[in-house]
Amino acid sequence: VHNNTEKWIEKVTKDKNRVRSYDKK
């Protein structure tokens, strides 16, 4: 079936990368 999750994947990937392991500040 046709589905388009491109924007959704971009959003959740951004959330995934948002949490940094080391806060230099």
mmCIF file of all heavy atoms, coordinates in Angstrom:
data_MODEL
# 
_entry.id   MODEL 
# 
loop_
_atom_site.group_PDB 
_atom_site.id 
_atom_site.type_symbol 
_atom_site.label_atom_id 
_atom_site.label_alt_id 
_atom_site.label_comp_id 
_atom_site.label_asym_id 
_atom_site.label_entity_id 
_atom_site.label_seq_id 
_atom_site.pdbx_PDB_ins_code 
_atom_site.Cartn_x 
_atom_site.Cartn_y 
_atom_site.Cartn_z 
_atom_site.occupancy 
_atom_site.B_iso_or_equiv 
_atom_site.pdbx_formal_charge 
_atom_site.auth_seq_id 
_atom_site.auth_comp_id 
_atom_site.auth_asym_id 
_atom_site.auth_atom_id 
_atom_site.pdbx_PDB_model_num 
ATOM 1   N N   . VAL A 1 1  ? 0.855  -1.190 0.000  1.00 0.00 ? 1  VAL A N   1 
ATOM 2   C CA  . VAL A 1 1  ? 0.000  0.000  0.000  1.00 0.00 ? 1  VAL A CA  1 
ATOM 3   C C   . VAL A 1 1  ? 0.891  1.240  0.000  1.00 0.00 ? 1  VAL A C   1 
ATOM 4   O O   . VAL A 1 1  ? 2.042  1.203  0.440  1.00 0.00 ? 1  VAL A O   1 
ATOM 5   C CB  . VAL A 1 1  ? -0.955 0.024  1.221  1.00 0.00 ? 1  VAL A CB  1 
ATOM 6   C CG1 . VAL A 1 1  ? -1.878 -1.186 1.205  1.00 0.00 ? 1  VAL A CG1 1 
ATOM 7   C CG2 . VAL A 1 1  ? -0.177 0.095  2.533  1.00 0.00 ? 1  VAL A CG2 1 
ATOM 8   N N   . HIS A 1 2  ? 0.352  2.330  -0.507 1.00 0.00 ? 2  HIS A N   1 
ATOM 9   C CA  . HIS A 1 2  ? 1.129  3.578  -0.558 1.00 0.00 ? 2  HIS A CA  1 
ATOM 10  C C   . HIS A 1 2  ? 1.029  4.303  0.785  1.00 0.00 ? 2  HIS A C   1 
ATOM 11  O O   . HIS A 1 2  ? -0.057 4.460  1.338  1.00 0.00 ? 2  HIS A O   1 
ATOM 12  C CB  . HIS A 1 2  ? 0.605  4.488  -1.673 1.00 0.00 ? 2  HIS A CB  1 
ATOM 13  C CG  . HIS A 1 2  ? 1.286  5.826  -1.709 1.00 0.00 ? 2  HIS A CG  1 
ATOM 14  N ND1 . HIS A 1 2  ? 2.593  5.988  -2.121 1.00 0.00 ? 2  HIS A ND1 1 
ATOM 15  C CD2 . HIS A 1 2  ? 0.839  7.065  -1.338 1.00 0.00 ? 2  HIS A CD2 1 
ATOM 16  C CE1 . HIS A 1 2  ? 2.925  7.259  -2.023 1.00 0.00 ? 2  HIS A CE1 1 
ATOM 17  N NE2 . HIS A 1 2  ? 1.890  7.943  -1.554 1.00 0.00 ? 2  HIS A NE2 1 
ATOM 18  N N   . ASN A 1 3  ? 2.158  4.704  1.298  1.00 0.00 ? 3  ASN A N   1 
ATOM 19  C CA  . ASN A 1 3  ? 2.179  5.556  2.489  1.00 0.00 ? 3  ASN A CA  1 
ATOM 20  C C   . ASN A 1 3  ? 3.397  6.460  2.427  1.00 0.00 ? 3  ASN A C   1 
ATOM 21  O O   . ASN A 1 3  ? 4.388  6.136  1.748  1.00 0.00 ? 3  ASN A O   1 
ATOM 22  C CB  . ASN A 1 3  ? 2.181  4.733  3.786  1.00 0.00 ? 3  ASN A CB  1 
ATOM 23  C CG  . ASN A 1 3  ? 3.511  4.047  4.041  1.00 0.00 ? 3  ASN A CG  1 
ATOM 24  O OD1 . ASN A 1 3  ? 4.117  3.475  3.141  1.00 0.00 ? 3  ASN A OD1 1 
ATOM 25  N ND2 . ASN A 1 3  ? 3.963  4.079  5.286  1.00 0.00 ? 3  ASN A ND2 1 
ATOM 26  N N   . ASN A 1 4  ? 3.319  7.583  3.079  1.00 0.00 ? 4  ASN A N   1 
ATOM 27  C CA  . ASN A 1 4  ? 4.424  8.548  3.046  1.00 0.00 ? 4  ASN A CA  1 
ATOM 28  C C   . ASN A 1 4  ? 4.736  8.994  4.468  1.00 0.00 ? 4  ASN A C   1 
ATOM 29  O O   . ASN A 1 4  ? 3.945  9.689  5.105  1.00 0.00 ? 4  ASN A O   1 
ATOM 30  C CB  . ASN A 1 4  ? 4.053  9.758  2.183  1.00 0.00 ? 4  ASN A CB  1 
ATOM 31  C CG  . ASN A 1 4  ? 5.240  10.712 2.006  1.00 0.00 ? 4  ASN A CG  1 
ATOM 32  O OD1 . ASN A 1 4  ? 6.272  10.562 2.652  1.00 0.00 ? 4  ASN A OD1 1 
ATOM 33  N ND2 . ASN A 1 4  ? 5.064  11.689 1.142  1.00 0.00 ? 4  ASN A ND2 1 
ATOM 34  N N   . THR A 1 5  ? 5.872  8.544  4.966  1.00 0.00 ? 5  THR A N   1 
ATOM 35  C CA  . THR A 1 5  ? 6.262  8.873  6.349  1.00 0.00 ? 5  THR A CA  1 
ATOM 36  C C   . THR A 1 5  ? 7.543  9.704  6.391  1.00 0.00 ? 5  THR A C   1 
ATOM 37  O O   . THR A 1 5  ? 8.176  9.804  7.446  1.00 0.00 ? 5  THR A O   1 
ATOM 38  C CB  . THR A 1 5  ? 6.452  7.584  7.171  1.00 0.00 ? 5  THR A CB  1 
ATOM 39  O OG1 . THR A 1 5  ? 7.527  6.824  6.580  1.00 0.00 ? 5  THR A OG1 1 
ATOM 40  C CG2 . THR A 1 5  ? 5.195  6.739  7.213  1.00 0.00 ? 5  THR A CG2 1 
ATOM 41  N N   . GLU A 1 6  ? 7.906  10.294 5.262  1.00 0.00 ? 6  GLU A N   1 
ATOM 42  C CA  . GLU A 1 6  ? 9.190  10.999 5.177  1.00 0.00 ? 6  GLU A CA  1 
ATOM 43  C C   . GLU A 1 6  ? 9.325  12.088 6.229  1.00 0.00 ? 6  GLU A C   1 
ATOM 44  O O   . GLU A 1 6  ? 10.336 12.166 6.943  1.00 0.00 ? 6  GLU A O   1 
ATOM 45  C CB  . GLU A 1 6  ? 9.362  11.605 3.779  1.00 0.00 ? 6  GLU A CB  1 
ATOM 46  C CG  . GLU A 1 6  ? 10.744 12.197 3.550  1.00 0.00 ? 6  GLU A CG  1 
ATOM 47  C CD  . GLU A 1 6  ? 10.943 12.687 2.130  1.00 0.00 ? 6  GLU A CD  1 
ATOM 48  O OE1 . GLU A 1 6  ? 10.151 12.296 1.249  1.00 0.00 ? 6  GLU A OE1 1 
ATOM 49  O OE2 . GLU A 1 6  ? 11.892 13.470 1.912  1.00 0.00 ? 6  GLU A OE2 1 
ATOM 50  N N   . LYS A 1 7  ? 8.314  12.955 6.361  1.00 0.00 ? 7  LYS A N   1 
ATOM 51  C CA  . LYS A 1 7  ? 8.372  14.046 7.355  1.00 0.00 ? 7  LYS A CA  1 
ATOM 52  C C   . LYS A 1 7  ? 8.372  13.481 8.780  1.00 0.00 ? 7  LYS A C   1 
ATOM 53  O O   . LYS A 1 7  ? 9.033  14.024 9.668  1.00 0.00 ? 7  LYS A O   1 
ATOM 54  C CB  . LYS A 1 7  ? 7.207  14.996 7.153  1.00 0.00 ? 7  LYS A CB  1 
ATOM 55  C CG  . LYS A 1 7  ? 7.299  15.835 5.879  1.00 0.00 ? 7  LYS A CG  1 
ATOM 56  C CD  . LYS A 1 7  ? 6.153  16.818 5.782  1.00 0.00 ? 7  LYS A CD  1 
ATOM 57  C CE  . LYS A 1 7  ? 6.269  17.675 4.527  1.00 0.00 ? 7  LYS A CE  1 
ATOM 58  N NZ  . LYS A 1 7  ? 5.130  18.629 4.403  1.00 0.00 ? 7  LYS A NZ  1 
ATOM 59  N N   . TRP A 1 8  ? 7.620  12.422 8.993  1.00 0.00 ? 8  TRP A N   1 
ATOM 60  C CA  . TRP A 1 8  ? 7.549  11.779 10.310 1.00 0.00 ? 8  TRP A CA  1 
ATOM 61  C C   . TRP A 1 8  ? 8.907  11.195 10.700 1.00 0.00 ? 8  TRP A C   1 
ATOM 62  O O   . TRP A 1 8  ? 9.360  11.366 11.841 1.00 0.00 ? 8  TRP A O   1 
ATOM 63  C CB  . TRP A 1 8  ? 6.457  10.715 10.283 1.00 0.00 ? 8  TRP A CB  1 
ATOM 64  C CG  . TRP A 1 8  ? 6.281  9.852  11.498 1.00 0.00 ? 8  TRP A CG  1 
ATOM 65  C CD1 . TRP A 1 8  ? 6.286  8.491  11.531 1.00 0.00 ? 8  TRP A CD1 1 
ATOM 66  C CD2 . TRP A 1 8  ? 6.024  10.260 12.852 1.00 0.00 ? 8  TRP A CD2 1 
ATOM 67  N NE1 . TRP A 1 8  ? 6.049  8.027  12.798 1.00 0.00 ? 8  TRP A NE1 1 
ATOM 68  C CE2 . TRP A 1 8  ? 5.890  9.097  13.641 1.00 0.00 ? 8  TRP A CE2 1 
ATOM 69  C CE3 . TRP A 1 8  ? 5.903  11.513 13.468 1.00 0.00 ? 8  TRP A CE3 1 
ATOM 70  C CZ2 . TRP A 1 8  ? 5.637  9.133  14.999 1.00 0.00 ? 8  TRP A CZ2 1 
ATOM 71  C CZ3 . TRP A 1 8  ? 5.659  11.545 14.845 1.00 0.00 ? 8  TRP A CZ3 1 
ATOM 72  C CH2 . TRP A 1 8  ? 5.529  10.379 15.591 1.00 0.00 ? 8  TRP A CH2 1 
ATOM 73  N N   . ILE A 1 9  ? 9.563  10.548 9.758  1.00 0.00 ? 9  ILE A N   1 
ATOM 74  C CA  . ILE A 1 9  ? 10.882 9.982  10.024 1.00 0.00 ? 9  ILE A CA  1 
ATOM 75  C C   . ILE A 1 9  ? 11.885 11.082 10.341 1.00 0.00 ? 9  ILE A C   1 
ATOM 76  O O   . ILE A 1 9  ? 12.719 10.953 11.254 1.00 0.00 ? 9  ILE A O   1 
ATOM 77  C CB  . ILE A 1 9  ? 11.365 9.126  8.838  1.00 0.00 ? 9  ILE A CB  1 
ATOM 78  C CG1 . ILE A 1 9  ? 10.487 7.882  8.679  1.00 0.00 ? 9  ILE A CG1 1 
ATOM 79  C CG2 . ILE A 1 9  ? 12.826 8.720  9.020  1.00 0.00 ? 9  ILE A CG2 1 
ATOM 80  C CD1 . ILE A 1 9  ? 10.512 6.928  9.842  1.00 0.00 ? 9  ILE A CD1 1 
ATOM 81  N N   . GLU A 1 10 ? 11.813 12.171 9.618  1.00 0.00 ? 10 GLU A N   1 
ATOM 82  C CA  . GLU A 1 10 ? 12.699 13.311 9.899  1.00 0.00 ? 10 GLU A CA  1 
ATOM 83  C C   . GLU A 1 10 ? 12.492 13.822 11.320 1.00 0.00 ? 10 GLU A C   1 
ATOM 84  O O   . GLU A 1 10 ? 13.449 14.120 12.037 1.00 0.00 ? 10 GLU A O   1 
ATOM 85  C CB  . GLU A 1 10 ? 12.426 14.449 8.904  1.00 0.00 ? 10 GLU A CB  1 
ATOM 86  C CG  . GLU A 1 10 ? 12.946 14.193 7.509  1.00 0.00 ? 10 GLU A CG  1 
ATOM 87  C CD  . GLU A 1 10 ? 12.631 15.349 6.566  1.00 0.00 ? 10 GLU A CD  1 
ATOM 88  O OE1 . GLU A 1 10 ? 12.131 16.395 7.051  1.00 0.00 ? 10 GLU A OE1 1 
ATOM 89  O OE2 . GLU A 1 10 ? 12.860 15.214 5.357  1.00 0.00 ? 10 GLU A OE2 1 
ATOM 90  N N   . LYS A 1 11 ? 11.223 13.903 11.712 1.00 0.00 ? 11 LYS A N   1 
ATOM 91  C CA  . LYS A 1 11 ? 10.890 14.431 13.037 1.00 0.00 ? 11 LYS A CA  1 
ATOM 92  C C   . LYS A 1 11 ? 11.403 13.504 14.145 1.00 0.00 ? 11 LYS A C   1 
ATOM 93  O O   . LYS A 1 11 ? 12.041 13.949 15.111 1.00 0.00 ? 11 LYS A O   1 
ATOM 94  C CB  . LYS A 1 11 ? 9.374  14.604 13.127 1.00 0.00 ? 11 LYS A CB  1 
ATOM 95  C CG  . LYS A 1 11 ? 8.924  15.534 14.254 1.00 0.00 ? 11 LYS A CG  1 
ATOM 96  C CD  . LYS A 1 11 ? 8.693  14.794 15.545 1.00 0.00 ? 11 LYS A CD  1 
ATOM 97  C CE  . LYS A 1 11 ? 8.259  15.770 16.652 1.00 0.00 ? 11 LYS A CE  1 
ATOM 98  N NZ  . LYS A 1 11 ? 8.214  15.121 17.952 1.00 0.00 ? 11 LYS A NZ  1 
ATOM 99  N N   . VAL A 1 12 ? 11.098 12.186 14.042 1.00 0.00 ? 12 VAL A N   1 
ATOM 100 C CA  . VAL A 1 12 ? 11.495 11.265 15.116 1.00 0.00 ? 12 VAL A CA  1 
ATOM 101 C C   . VAL A 1 12 ? 13.013 11.091 15.154 1.00 0.00 ? 12 VAL A C   1 
ATOM 102 O O   . VAL A 1 12 ? 13.590 10.868 16.225 1.00 0.00 ? 12 VAL A O   1 
ATOM 103 C CB  . VAL A 1 12 ? 10.787 9.891  14.988 1.00 0.00 ? 12 VAL A CB  1 
ATOM 104 C CG1 . VAL A 1 12 ? 9.281  10.035 15.143 1.00 0.00 ? 12 VAL A CG1 1 
ATOM 105 C CG2 . VAL A 1 12 ? 11.143 9.185  13.692 1.00 0.00 ? 12 VAL A CG2 1 
ATOM 106 N N   . THR A 1 13 ? 13.666 11.207 13.998 1.00 0.00 ? 13 THR A N   1 
ATOM 107 C CA  . THR A 1 13 ? 15.130 11.124 13.971 1.00 0.00 ? 13 THR A CA  1 
ATOM 108 C C   . THR A 1 13 ? 15.745 12.330 14.671 1.00 0.00 ? 13 THR A C   1 
ATOM 109 O O   . THR A 1 13 ? 16.746 12.206 15.398 1.00 0.00 ? 13 THR A O   1 
ATOM 110 C CB  . THR A 1 13 ? 15.640 11.034 12.524 1.00 0.00 ? 13 THR A CB  1 
ATOM 111 O OG1 . THR A 1 13 ? 15.045 9.889  11.888 1.00 0.00 ? 13 THR A OG1 1 
ATOM 112 C CG2 . THR A 1 13 ? 17.159 10.896 12.487 1.00 0.00 ? 13 THR A CG2 1 
ATOM 113 N N   . LYS A 1 14 ? 15.130 13.484 14.488 1.00 0.00 ? 14 LYS A N   1 
ATOM 114 C CA  . LYS A 1 14 ? 15.593 14.691 15.178 1.00 0.00 ? 14 LYS A CA  1 
ATOM 115 C C   . LYS A 1 14 ? 15.440 14.527 16.689 1.00 0.00 ? 14 LYS A C   1 
ATOM 116 O O   . LYS A 1 14 ? 16.336 14.895 17.469 1.00 0.00 ? 14 LYS A O   1 
ATOM 117 C CB  . LYS A 1 14 ? 14.786 15.893 14.691 1.00 0.00 ? 14 LYS A CB  1 
ATOM 118 C CG  . LYS A 1 14 ? 15.263 17.220 15.253 1.00 0.00 ? 14 LYS A CG  1 
ATOM 119 C CD  . LYS A 1 14 ? 14.447 18.374 14.680 1.00 0.00 ? 14 LYS A CD  1 
ATOM 120 C CE  . LYS A 1 14 ? 14.898 19.716 15.271 1.00 0.00 ? 14 LYS A CE  1 
ATOM 121 N NZ  . LYS A 1 14 ? 14.094 20.847 14.724 1.00 0.00 ? 14 LYS A NZ  1 
ATOM 122 N N   . ASP A 1 15 ? 14.303 13.949 17.105 1.00 0.00 ? 15 ASP A N   1 
ATOM 123 C CA  . ASP A 1 15 ? 14.092 13.681 18.542 1.00 0.00 ? 15 ASP A CA  1 
ATOM 124 C C   . ASP A 1 15 ? 15.131 12.694 19.067 1.00 0.00 ? 15 ASP A C   1 
ATOM 125 O O   . ASP A 1 15 ? 15.633 12.828 20.193 1.00 0.00 ? 15 ASP A O   1 
ATOM 126 C CB  . ASP A 1 15 ? 12.692 13.106 18.775 1.00 0.00 ? 15 ASP A CB  1 
ATOM 127 C CG  . ASP A 1 15 ? 11.595 14.143 18.606 1.00 0.00 ? 15 ASP A CG  1 
ATOM 128 O OD1 . ASP A 1 15 ? 11.900 15.350 18.704 1.00 0.00 ? 15 ASP A OD1 1 
ATOM 129 O OD2 . ASP A 1 15 ? 10.442 13.745 18.372 1.00 0.00 ? 15 ASP A OD2 1 
ATOM 130 N N   . LYS A 1 16 ? 15.442 11.704 18.242 1.00 0.00 ? 16 LYS A N   1 
ATOM 131 C CA  . LYS A 1 16 ? 16.403 10.676 18.632 1.00 0.00 ? 16 LYS A CA  1 
ATOM 132 C C   . LYS A 1 16 ? 17.796 11.286 18.841 1.00 0.00 ? 16 LYS A C   1 
ATOM 133 O O   . LYS A 1 16 ? 18.531 10.887 19.760 1.00 0.00 ? 16 LYS A O   1 
ATOM 134 C CB  . LYS A 1 16 ? 16.446 9.600  17.554 1.00 0.00 ? 16 LYS A CB  1 
ATOM 135 C CG  . LYS A 1 16 ? 17.333 8.410  17.852 1.00 0.00 ? 16 LYS A CG  1 
ATOM 136 C CD  . LYS A 1 16 ? 17.226 7.403  16.717 1.00 0.00 ? 16 LYS A CD  1 
ATOM 137 C CE  . LYS A 1 16 ? 18.164 6.236  16.905 1.00 0.00 ? 16 LYS A CE  1 
ATOM 138 N NZ  . LYS A 1 16 ? 18.064 5.264  15.800 1.00 0.00 ? 16 LYS A NZ  1 
ATOM 139 N N   . ASN A 1 17 ? 18.153 12.243 18.012 1.00 0.00 ? 17 ASN A N   1 
ATOM 140 C CA  . ASN A 1 17 ? 19.477 12.868 18.096 1.00 0.00 ? 17 ASN A CA  1 
ATOM 141 C C   . ASN A 1 17 ? 19.522 14.034 19.071 1.00 0.00 ? 17 ASN A C   1 
ATOM 142 O O   . ASN A 1 17 ? 20.596 14.597 19.314 1.00 0.00 ? 17 ASN A O   1 
ATOM 143 C CB  . ASN A 1 17 ? 19.909 13.358 16.709 1.00 0.00 ? 17 ASN A CB  1 
ATOM 144 C CG  . ASN A 1 17 ? 20.094 12.210 15.742 1.00 0.00 ? 17 ASN A CG  1 
ATOM 145 O OD1 . ASN A 1 17 ? 20.453 11.109 16.145 1.00 0.00 ? 17 ASN A OD1 1 
ATOM 146 N ND2 . ASN A 1 17 ? 19.857 12.462 14.462 1.00 0.00 ? 17 ASN A ND2 1 
ATOM 147 N N   . ARG A 1 18 ? 18.341 14.388 19.600 1.00 0.00 ? 18 ARG A N   1 
ATOM 148 C CA  . ARG A 1 18 ? 18.262 15.562 20.461 1.00 0.00 ? 18 ARG A CA  1 
ATOM 149 C C   . ARG A 1 18 ? 18.954 15.353 21.807 1.00 0.00 ? 18 ARG A C   1 
ATOM 150 O O   . ARG A 1 18 ? 19.542 16.270 22.365 1.00 0.00 ? 18 ARG A O   1 
ATOM 151 C CB  . ARG A 1 18 ? 16.786 15.916 20.688 1.00 0.00 ? 18 ARG A CB  1 
ATOM 152 C CG  . ARG A 1 18 ? 16.554 17.062 21.642 1.00 0.00 ? 18 ARG A CG  1 
ATOM 153 C CD  . ARG A 1 18 ? 15.063 17.345 21.737 1.00 0.00 ? 18 ARG A CD  1 
ATOM 154 N NE  . ARG A 1 18 ? 14.755 18.155 22.899 1.00 0.00 ? 18 ARG A NE  1 
ATOM 155 C CZ  . ARG A 1 18 ? 13.529 18.520 23.237 1.00 0.00 ? 18 ARG A CZ  1 
ATOM 156 N NH1 . ARG A 1 18 ? 12.506 18.150 22.499 1.00 0.00 ? 18 ARG A NH1 1 
ATOM 157 N NH2 . ARG A 1 18 ? 13.310 19.242 24.314 1.00 0.00 ? 18 ARG A NH2 1 
ATOM 158 N N   . VAL A 1 19 ? 18.873 14.156 22.318 1.00 0.00 ? 19 VAL A N   1 
ATOM 159 C CA  . VAL A 1 19 ? 19.435 13.869 23.643 1.00 0.00 ? 19 VAL A CA  1 
ATOM 160 C C   . VAL A 1 19 ? 20.915 13.577 23.501 1.00 0.00 ? 19 VAL A C   1 
ATOM 161 O O   . VAL A 1 19 ? 21.312 12.552 22.962 1.00 0.00 ? 19 VAL A O   1 
ATOM 162 C CB  . VAL A 1 19 ? 18.713 12.676 24.304 1.00 0.00 ? 19 VAL A CB  1 
ATOM 163 C CG1 . VAL A 1 19 ? 19.300 12.406 25.684 1.00 0.00 ? 19 VAL A CG1 1 
ATOM 164 C CG2 . VAL A 1 19 ? 17.225 12.956 24.411 1.00 0.00 ? 19 VAL A CG2 1 
ATOM 165 N N   . ARG A 1 20 ? 21.735 14.492 23.956 1.00 0.00 ? 20 ARG A N   1 
ATOM 166 C CA  . ARG A 1 20 ? 23.177 14.319 23.882 1.00 0.00 ? 20 ARG A CA  1 
ATOM 167 C C   . ARG A 1 20 ? 23.678 13.598 25.133 1.00 0.00 ? 20 ARG A C   1 
ATOM 168 O O   . ARG A 1 20 ? 23.171 13.795 26.223 1.00 0.00 ? 20 ARG A O   1 
ATOM 169 C CB  . ARG A 1 20 ? 23.878 15.675 23.754 1.00 0.00 ? 20 ARG A CB  1 
ATOM 170 C CG  . ARG A 1 20 ? 23.575 16.399 22.441 1.00 0.00 ? 20 ARG A CG  1 
ATOM 171 C CD  . ARG A 1 20 ? 24.559 17.545 22.262 1.00 0.00 ? 20 ARG A CD  1 
ATOM 172 N NE  . ARG A 1 20 ? 24.363 18.190 20.969 1.00 0.00 ? 20 ARG A NE  1 
ATOM 173 C CZ  . ARG A 1 20 ? 23.617 19.273 20.800 1.00 0.00 ? 20 ARG A CZ  1 
ATOM 174 N NH1 . ARG A 1 20 ? 22.993 19.817 21.828 1.00 0.00 ? 20 ARG A NH1 1 
ATOM 175 N NH2 . ARG A 1 20 ? 23.498 19.807 19.604 1.00 0.00 ? 20 ARG A NH2 1 
ATOM 176 N N   . SER A 1 21 ? 24.688 12.789 24.932 1.00 0.00 ? 21 SER A N   1 
ATOM 177 C CA  . SER A 1 21 ? 25.244 12.043 26.054 1.00 0.00 ? 21 SER A CA  1 
ATOM 178 C C   . SER A 1 21 ? 26.107 12.922 26.958 1.00 0.00 ? 21 SER A C   1 
ATOM 179 O O   . SER A 1 21 ? 26.241 12.672 28.142 1.00 0.00 ? 21 SER A O   1 
ATOM 180 C CB  . SER A 1 21 ? 26.085 10.877 25.523 1.00 0.00 ? 21 SER A CB  1 
ATOM 181 O OG  . SER A 1 21 ? 25.275 9.996  24.793 1.00 0.00 ? 21 SER A OG  1 
ATOM 182 N N   . TYR A 1 22 ? 26.716 13.953 26.360 1.00 0.00 ? 22 TYR A N   1 
ATOM 183 C CA  . TYR A 1 22 ? 27.637 14.775 27.143 1.00 0.00 ? 22 TYR A CA  1 
ATOM 184 C C   . TYR A 1 22 ? 27.345 16.250 26.887 1.00 0.00 ? 22 TYR A C   1 
ATOM 185 O O   . TYR A 1 22 ? 27.404 16.727 25.750 1.00 0.00 ? 22 TYR A O   1 
ATOM 186 C CB  . TYR A 1 22 ? 29.080 14.445 26.770 1.00 0.00 ? 22 TYR A CB  1 
ATOM 187 C CG  . TYR A 1 22 ? 30.111 15.293 27.480 1.00 0.00 ? 22 TYR A CG  1 
ATOM 188 C CD1 . TYR A 1 22 ? 30.193 15.267 28.872 1.00 0.00 ? 22 TYR A CD1 1 
ATOM 189 C CD2 . TYR A 1 22 ? 30.992 16.109 26.779 1.00 0.00 ? 22 TYR A CD2 1 
ATOM 190 C CE1 . TYR A 1 22 ? 31.132 16.039 29.546 1.00 0.00 ? 22 TYR A CE1 1 
ATOM 191 C CE2 . TYR A 1 22 ? 31.935 16.883 27.440 1.00 0.00 ? 22 TYR A CE2 1 
ATOM 192 C CZ  . TYR A 1 22 ? 32.000 16.839 28.826 1.00 0.00 ? 22 TYR A CZ  1 
ATOM 193 O OH  . TYR A 1 22 ? 32.928 17.598 29.494 1.00 0.00 ? 22 TYR A OH  1 
ATOM 194 N N   . ASP A 1 23 ? 26.977 16.950 27.914 1.00 0.00 ? 23 ASP A N   1 
ATOM 195 C CA  . ASP A 1 23 ? 26.671 18.367 27.807 1.00 0.00 ? 23 ASP A CA  1 
ATOM 196 C C   . ASP A 1 23 ? 27.934 19.154 28.161 1.00 0.00 ? 23 ASP A C   1 
ATOM 197 O O   . ASP A 1 23 ? 28.313 19.267 29.333 1.00 0.00 ? 23 ASP A O   1 
ATOM 198 C CB  . ASP A 1 23 ? 25.524 18.729 28.764 1.00 0.00 ? 23 ASP A CB  1 
ATOM 199 C CG  . ASP A 1 23 ? 25.008 20.143 28.541 1.00 0.00 ? 23 ASP A CG  1 
ATOM 200 O OD1 . ASP A 1 23 ? 25.834 21.017 28.202 1.00 0.00 ? 23 ASP A OD1 1 
ATOM 201 O OD2 . ASP A 1 23 ? 23.795 20.364 28.704 1.00 0.00 ? 23 ASP A OD2 1 
ATOM 202 N N   . LYS A 1 24 ? 28.615 19.674 27.119 1.00 0.00 ? 24 LYS A N   1 
ATOM 203 C CA  . LYS A 1 24 ? 29.892 20.369 27.344 1.00 0.00 ? 24 LYS A CA  1 
ATOM 204 C C   . LYS A 1 24 ? 29.717 21.627 28.190 1.00 0.00 ? 24 LYS A C   1 
ATOM 205 O O   . LYS A 1 24 ? 30.583 21.970 28.994 1.00 0.00 ? 24 LYS A O   1 
ATOM 206 C CB  . LYS A 1 24 ? 30.516 20.720 25.997 1.00 0.00 ? 24 LYS A CB  1 
ATOM 207 C CG  . LYS A 1 24 ? 30.991 19.513 25.219 1.00 0.00 ? 24 LYS A CG  1 
ATOM 208 C CD  . LYS A 1 24 ? 31.668 19.933 23.916 1.00 0.00 ? 24 LYS A CD  1 
ATOM 209 C CE  . LYS A 1 24 ? 32.163 18.703 23.160 1.00 0.00 ? 24 LYS A CE  1 
ATOM 210 N NZ  . LYS A 1 24 ? 32.809 19.076 21.876 1.00 0.00 ? 24 LYS A NZ  1 
ATOM 211 N N   . LYS A 1 25 ? 28.574 22.278 27.996 1.00 0.00 ? 25 LYS A N   1 
ATOM 212 C CA  . LYS A 1 25 ? 28.343 23.517 28.743 1.00 0.00 ? 25 LYS A CA  1 
ATOM 213 C C   . LYS A 1 25 ? 28.227 23.238 30.239 1.00 0.00 ? 25 LYS A C   1 
ATOM 214 O O   . LYS A 1 25 ? 28.804 23.936 31.076 1.00 0.00 ? 25 LYS A O   1 
ATOM 215 C CB  . LYS A 1 25 ? 27.085 24.199 28.223 1.00 0.00 ? 25 LYS A CB  1 
ATOM 216 C CG  . LYS A 1 25 ? 26.815 25.558 28.864 1.00 0.00 ? 25 LYS A CG  1 
ATOM 217 C CD  . LYS A 1 25 ? 25.569 26.204 28.268 1.00 0.00 ? 25 LYS A CD  1 
ATOM 218 C CE  . LYS A 1 25 ? 25.289 27.544 28.928 1.00 0.00 ? 25 LYS A CE  1 
ATOM 219 N NZ  . LYS A 1 25 ? 24.064 28.188 28.368 1.00 0.00 ? 25 LYS A NZ  1 
# 
